[in-house]
Amino acid sequence: TRASKSVLFMLLALVSTRVTVVVVLLVALRFDMKARCDELGIVSGEWDSRRPYRSVQIMFVTPEAAVGEAFRHYINRERSIGRLDRIVINECHSILDSLKGFRSRLLGLRQLLWVET
């Protein structure tokens, strides 16, 4: 079932002309999802504020980067030109774990709830 949940947002991205942002907590999971996108022919990228972004169907981002200013500018730019389709927080139940001390910065992801898509 783990893979099939990811396939849901991948299929939506496959048929959309807009970008799906996926917040991924674990590096290994991000690599697996990126490889799966490559297999399906989905253009995806991994957010890096030091590199210019390119047009992608799925943009993977870490929770720490997702709450940063550079990524906020990226999201606002994509939204302003009508390219932001959806924001997915993979393994979102982990945010509840952050209340108990696990990656407390995950709580900052709640600001993504206010981004209009």
N, C-alpha and C. Protein backbone atom coordinates (compact mmCIF):
# COMPACT_ATOMS: atom_id res chain seq x y z
N THR A 1 0.82 -1.21 0.00
CA THR A 1 0.00 0.00 0.00
C THR A 1 0.85 1.26 0.00
N ARG A 2 2.09 1.15 0.46
CA ARG A 2 2.93 2.36 0.52
C ARG A 2 3.12 2.95 -0.86
N ALA A 3 3.43 2.11 -1.83
CA ALA A 3 3.69 2.61 -3.19
C ALA A 3 2.41 3.13 -3.83
N SER A 4 1.27 2.48 -3.54
CA SER A 4 0.05 2.89 -4.22
C SER A 4 -0.43 4.27 -3.80
N LYS A 5 -0.15 4.69 -2.58
CA LYS A 5 -0.53 6.05 -2.19
C LYS A 5 0.28 7.08 -2.97
N SER A 6 1.56 6.80 -3.18
CA SER A 6 2.40 7.72 -3.95
C SER A 6 1.96 7.77 -5.40
N VAL A 7 1.51 6.64 -5.91
CA VAL A 7 1.07 6.59 -7.30
C VAL A 7 -0.11 7.53 -7.52
N LEU A 8 -0.93 7.74 -6.51
CA LEU A 8 -2.08 8.63 -6.66
C LEU A 8 -1.66 10.03 -7.08
N PHE A 9 -0.73 10.64 -6.35
CA PHE A 9 -0.34 11.99 -6.74
C PHE A 9 0.51 11.98 -8.00
N MET A 10 1.21 10.88 -8.26
CA MET A 10 1.99 10.79 -9.49
C MET A 10 1.08 10.74 -10.72
N LEU A 11 0.00 9.98 -10.63
CA LEU A 11 -0.93 9.90 -11.75
C LEU A 11 -1.61 11.25 -11.99
N LEU A 12 -1.98 11.93 -10.91
CA LEU A 12 -2.57 13.26 -11.06
C LEU A 12 -1.60 14.21 -11.74
N ALA A 13 -0.33 14.13 -11.36
CA ALA A 13 0.69 14.99 -11.97
C ALA A 13 0.91 14.64 -13.43
N LEU A 14 0.78 13.37 -13.75
CA LEU A 14 1.00 12.91 -15.12
C LEU A 14 0.01 13.52 -16.10
N VAL A 15 -1.22 13.74 -15.65
CA VAL A 15 -2.25 14.27 -16.54
C VAL A 15 -2.45 15.78 -16.39
N SER A 16 -1.64 16.41 -15.57
CA SER A 16 -1.78 17.85 -15.33
C SER A 16 -0.65 18.62 -16.01
N THR A 17 -0.94 19.85 -16.34
CA THR A 17 0.10 20.73 -16.90
C THR A 17 0.71 21.60 -15.80
N ARG A 18 0.23 21.42 -14.58
CA ARG A 18 0.71 22.23 -13.47
C ARG A 18 1.58 21.40 -12.54
N VAL A 19 2.21 22.06 -11.57
CA VAL A 19 3.18 21.39 -10.69
C VAL A 19 2.52 20.90 -9.40
N THR A 20 2.92 19.70 -9.00
CA THR A 20 2.56 19.14 -7.71
C THR A 20 3.80 19.21 -6.83
N VAL A 21 3.67 19.84 -5.68
CA VAL A 21 4.77 19.91 -4.71
C VAL A 21 4.58 18.78 -3.72
N VAL A 22 5.64 18.00 -3.50
CA VAL A 22 5.58 16.88 -2.56
C VAL A 22 6.64 17.09 -1.49
N VAL A 23 6.19 17.26 -0.25
CA VAL A 23 7.10 17.38 0.89
C VAL A 23 7.40 15.96 1.36
N VAL A 24 8.68 15.59 1.29
CA VAL A 24 9.10 14.22 1.63
C VAL A 24 10.05 14.27 2.82
N LEU A 25 9.73 13.51 3.85
CA LEU A 25 10.48 13.56 5.09
C LEU A 25 11.81 12.81 5.03
N LEU A 26 11.86 11.73 4.29
CA LEU A 26 13.03 10.86 4.30
C LEU A 26 13.77 10.90 2.97
N VAL A 27 15.08 11.03 3.03
CA VAL A 27 15.91 11.11 1.82
C VAL A 27 15.75 9.86 0.96
N ALA A 28 15.78 8.69 1.56
CA ALA A 28 15.67 7.44 0.80
C ALA A 28 14.33 7.37 0.08
N LEU A 29 13.28 7.81 0.74
CA LEU A 29 11.96 7.81 0.12
C LEU A 29 11.91 8.78 -1.05
N ARG A 30 12.56 9.93 -0.89
CA ARG A 30 12.60 10.91 -1.98
C ARG A 30 13.30 10.33 -3.20
N PHE A 31 14.42 9.64 -2.99
CA PHE A 31 15.13 9.01 -4.11
C PHE A 31 14.26 7.97 -4.79
N ASP A 32 13.55 7.16 -4.00
CA ASP A 32 12.66 6.14 -4.56
C ASP A 32 11.54 6.77 -5.39
N MET A 33 10.95 7.84 -4.87
CA MET A 33 9.87 8.50 -5.59
C MET A 33 10.37 9.13 -6.88
N LYS A 34 11.55 9.73 -6.81
CA LYS A 34 12.15 10.33 -8.01
C LYS A 34 12.39 9.26 -9.07
N ALA A 35 12.91 8.11 -8.66
CA ALA A 35 13.14 7.00 -9.60
C ALA A 35 11.83 6.51 -10.19
N ARG A 36 10.80 6.45 -9.37
CA ARG A 36 9.47 6.02 -9.85
C ARG A 36 8.93 7.00 -10.87
N CYS A 37 9.10 8.29 -10.62
CA CYS A 37 8.68 9.31 -11.59
C CYS A 37 9.42 9.12 -12.90
N ASP A 38 10.72 8.90 -12.82
CA ASP A 38 11.52 8.69 -14.03
C ASP A 38 10.98 7.50 -14.83
N GLU A 39 10.65 6.42 -14.14
CA GLU A 39 10.11 5.23 -14.80
C GLU A 39 8.79 5.52 -15.50
N LEU A 40 7.97 6.38 -14.89
CA LEU A 40 6.66 6.70 -15.45
C LEU A 40 6.70 7.84 -16.46
N GLY A 41 7.86 8.43 -16.66
CA GLY A 41 7.98 9.54 -17.59
C GLY A 41 7.47 10.86 -17.05
N ILE A 42 7.44 10.98 -15.74
CA ILE A 42 7.01 12.22 -15.08
C ILE A 42 8.24 13.07 -14.83
N VAL A 43 8.20 14.32 -15.28
CA VAL A 43 9.34 15.22 -15.08
C VAL A 43 9.29 15.72 -13.64
N SER A 44 10.33 15.38 -12.88
CA SER A 44 10.35 15.77 -11.48
C SER A 44 11.70 16.38 -11.13
N GLY A 45 11.72 17.10 -10.03
CA GLY A 45 12.95 17.72 -9.57
C GLY A 45 13.01 17.71 -8.06
N GLU A 46 14.20 17.89 -7.54
CA GLU A 46 14.41 17.99 -6.10
C GLU A 46 14.81 19.42 -5.79
N TRP A 47 14.07 20.07 -4.92
CA TRP A 47 14.30 21.48 -4.62
C TRP A 47 15.69 21.70 -4.05
N ASP A 48 16.37 22.68 -4.63
CA ASP A 48 17.67 23.12 -4.14
C ASP A 48 17.71 24.62 -4.38
N SER A 49 17.72 25.39 -3.32
CA SER A 49 17.64 26.85 -3.45
C SER A 49 18.87 27.44 -4.14
N ARG A 50 19.95 26.65 -4.24
CA ARG A 50 21.17 27.15 -4.88
C ARG A 50 21.16 26.98 -6.40
N ARG A 51 20.17 26.25 -6.90
CA ARG A 51 20.08 26.03 -8.34
C ARG A 51 18.80 26.65 -8.87
N PRO A 52 18.84 27.14 -10.09
CA PRO A 52 17.58 27.63 -10.67
C PRO A 52 16.63 26.46 -10.88
N TYR A 53 15.37 26.71 -10.64
CA TYR A 53 14.40 25.64 -10.84
C TYR A 53 14.08 25.51 -12.32
N ARG A 54 13.60 24.35 -12.68
CA ARG A 54 13.14 24.15 -14.05
C ARG A 54 11.69 23.73 -13.99
N SER A 55 11.03 23.78 -15.10
CA SER A 55 9.62 23.42 -15.15
C SER A 55 9.48 21.91 -14.94
N VAL A 56 8.76 21.53 -13.91
CA VAL A 56 8.58 20.13 -13.57
C VAL A 56 7.10 19.84 -13.33
N GLN A 57 6.77 18.57 -13.35
CA GLN A 57 5.41 18.15 -12.99
C GLN A 57 5.32 17.89 -11.49
N ILE A 58 6.41 17.39 -10.90
CA ILE A 58 6.48 17.16 -9.46
C ILE A 58 7.78 17.76 -8.93
N MET A 59 7.66 18.55 -7.87
CA MET A 59 8.83 19.10 -7.20
C MET A 59 8.88 18.50 -5.80
N PHE A 60 9.95 17.75 -5.51
CA PHE A 60 10.16 17.18 -4.19
C PHE A 60 10.93 18.17 -3.34
N VAL A 61 10.55 18.28 -2.06
CA VAL A 61 11.19 19.23 -1.17
C VAL A 61 11.23 18.64 0.24
N THR A 62 12.30 18.95 0.98
CA THR A 62 12.38 18.52 2.38
C THR A 62 11.51 19.45 3.23
N PRO A 63 11.10 18.99 4.40
CA PRO A 63 10.30 19.86 5.28
C PRO A 63 11.04 21.14 5.65
N GLU A 64 12.35 21.02 5.90
CA GLU A 64 13.13 22.20 6.28
C GLU A 64 13.16 23.23 5.16
N ALA A 65 13.34 22.78 3.94
CA ALA A 65 13.37 23.71 2.80
C ALA A 65 11.98 24.25 2.50
N ALA A 66 10.95 23.44 2.73
CA ALA A 66 9.59 23.86 2.41
C ALA A 66 9.14 25.06 3.22
N VAL A 67 9.72 25.26 4.39
CA VAL A 67 9.33 26.40 5.22
C VAL A 67 10.30 27.57 5.07
N GLY A 68 11.24 27.45 4.16
CA GLY A 68 12.22 28.51 3.94
C GLY A 68 11.73 29.58 2.99
N GLU A 69 12.40 30.72 3.04
CA GLU A 69 12.01 31.87 2.23
C GLU A 69 12.15 31.60 0.73
N ALA A 70 13.23 30.96 0.32
CA ALA A 70 13.45 30.70 -1.11
C ALA A 70 12.34 29.82 -1.68
N PHE A 71 11.94 28.81 -0.93
CA PHE A 71 10.88 27.94 -1.43
C PHE A 71 9.54 28.67 -1.43
N ARG A 72 9.33 29.52 -0.45
CA ARG A 72 8.09 30.32 -0.42
C ARG A 72 8.00 31.19 -1.67
N HIS A 73 9.14 31.76 -2.10
CA HIS A 73 9.14 32.55 -3.34
C HIS A 73 8.80 31.66 -4.54
N TYR A 74 9.37 30.47 -4.57
CA TYR A 74 9.07 29.53 -5.66
C TYR A 74 7.58 29.21 -5.71
N ILE A 75 7.00 28.88 -4.55
CA ILE A 75 5.57 28.55 -4.48
C ILE A 75 4.72 29.73 -4.95
N ASN A 76 5.06 30.92 -4.46
CA ASN A 76 4.29 32.11 -4.84
C ASN A 76 4.40 32.39 -6.33
N ARG A 77 5.59 32.19 -6.89
CA ARG A 77 5.78 32.41 -8.33
C ARG A 77 4.94 31.40 -9.14
N GLU A 78 5.00 30.14 -8.76
CA GLU A 78 4.22 29.12 -9.47
C GLU A 78 2.73 29.40 -9.34
N ARG A 79 2.29 29.80 -8.17
CA ARG A 79 0.88 30.11 -7.97
C ARG A 79 0.46 31.33 -8.79
N SER A 80 1.32 32.36 -8.83
CA SER A 80 0.95 33.59 -9.53
C SER A 80 0.81 33.40 -11.04
N ILE A 81 1.50 32.42 -11.59
CA ILE A 81 1.37 32.16 -13.03
C ILE A 81 0.42 30.98 -13.30
N GLY A 82 -0.29 30.55 -12.26
CA GLY A 82 -1.29 29.51 -12.43
C GLY A 82 -0.73 28.11 -12.59
N ARG A 83 0.50 27.89 -12.14
CA ARG A 83 1.12 26.57 -12.31
C ARG A 83 1.07 25.68 -11.07
N LEU A 84 0.68 26.19 -9.93
CA LEU A 84 0.65 25.37 -8.72
C LEU A 84 -0.66 24.59 -8.67
N ASP A 85 -0.55 23.27 -8.71
CA ASP A 85 -1.73 22.42 -8.73
C ASP A 85 -2.10 21.93 -7.34
N ARG A 86 -1.13 21.35 -6.64
CA ARG A 86 -1.41 20.82 -5.31
C ARG A 86 -0.13 20.71 -4.50
N ILE A 87 -0.31 20.62 -3.19
CA ILE A 87 0.80 20.38 -2.27
C ILE A 87 0.47 19.12 -1.49
N VAL A 88 1.39 18.16 -1.53
CA VAL A 88 1.20 16.88 -0.85
C VAL A 88 2.27 16.76 0.23
N ILE A 89 1.86 16.43 1.44
CA ILE A 89 2.83 16.15 2.49
C ILE A 89 2.86 14.64 2.68
N ASN A 90 3.90 14.02 2.17
CA ASN A 90 4.04 12.57 2.26
C ASN A 90 4.31 12.19 3.71
N GLU A 91 3.69 11.11 4.15
CA GLU A 91 3.84 10.65 5.54
C GLU A 91 3.41 11.75 6.51
N CYS A 92 2.29 12.41 6.20
CA CYS A 92 1.87 13.56 7.00
C CYS A 92 1.58 13.20 8.46
N HIS A 93 1.31 11.94 8.74
CA HIS A 93 1.08 11.55 10.14
C HIS A 93 2.32 11.82 10.99
N SER A 94 3.48 11.95 10.36
CA SER A 94 4.71 12.23 11.12
C SER A 94 4.69 13.61 11.75
N ILE A 95 3.85 14.48 11.24
CA ILE A 95 3.73 15.81 11.84
C ILE A 95 3.22 15.67 13.27
N LEU A 96 2.32 14.73 13.49
CA LEU A 96 1.84 14.49 14.85
C LEU A 96 2.97 14.02 15.75
N ASP A 97 3.86 13.20 15.20
CA ASP A 97 5.02 12.75 15.98
C ASP A 97 5.93 13.91 16.36
N SER A 98 5.91 14.96 15.55
CA SER A 98 6.79 16.10 15.83
C SER A 98 6.37 16.81 17.11
N LEU A 99 5.13 16.64 17.50
CA LEU A 99 4.68 17.22 18.76
C LEU A 99 5.42 16.59 19.93
N LYS A 100 5.93 15.39 19.72
CA LYS A 100 6.66 14.69 20.78
C LYS A 100 8.16 14.85 20.61
N GLY A 101 8.60 15.75 19.77
CA GLY A 101 10.02 16.03 19.65
C GLY A 101 10.67 15.61 18.35
N PHE A 102 10.02 14.78 17.53
CA PHE A 102 10.62 14.33 16.28
C PHE A 102 10.51 15.44 15.25
N ARG A 103 11.66 15.97 14.84
CA ARG A 103 11.71 17.02 13.83
C ARG A 103 10.68 18.11 14.09
N SER A 104 10.88 18.80 15.15
CA SER A 104 9.91 19.82 15.56
C SER A 104 9.67 20.87 14.48
N ARG A 105 10.60 21.02 13.54
CA ARG A 105 10.39 21.99 12.46
C ARG A 105 9.25 21.57 11.54
N LEU A 106 8.82 20.32 11.63
CA LEU A 106 7.69 19.88 10.82
C LEU A 106 6.45 20.71 11.10
N LEU A 107 6.35 21.22 12.31
CA LEU A 107 5.19 22.04 12.65
C LEU A 107 5.11 23.28 11.78
N GLY A 108 6.24 23.73 11.26
CA GLY A 108 6.23 24.87 10.35
C GLY A 108 5.52 24.59 9.04
N LEU A 109 5.30 23.32 8.72
CA LEU A 109 4.61 22.98 7.48
C LEU A 109 3.16 23.44 7.48
N ARG A 110 2.63 23.75 8.64
CA ARG A 110 1.23 24.19 8.67
C ARG A 110 1.03 25.46 7.86
N GLN A 111 2.11 26.23 7.63
CA GLN A 111 1.96 27.44 6.81
C GLN A 111 1.62 27.08 5.37
N LEU A 112 1.93 25.87 4.93
CA LEU A 112 1.58 25.46 3.57
C LEU A 112 0.07 25.27 3.41
N LEU A 113 -0.64 25.12 4.51
CA LEU A 113 -2.09 24.95 4.44
C LEU A 113 -2.78 26.18 3.87
N TRP A 114 -2.13 27.31 3.95
CA TRP A 114 -2.75 28.56 3.51
C TRP A 114 -2.41 28.93 2.08
N VAL A 115 -1.58 28.12 1.43
CA VAL A 115 -1.21 28.39 0.04
C VAL A 115 -2.36 27.96 -0.86
N GLU A 116 -2.88 28.89 -1.62
CA GLU A 116 -3.96 28.55 -2.55
C GLU A 116 -3.39 27.87 -3.77
N THR A 117 -4.06 26.81 -4.20
CA THR A 117 -3.63 26.11 -5.42
C THR A 117 -4.67 26.26 -6.50
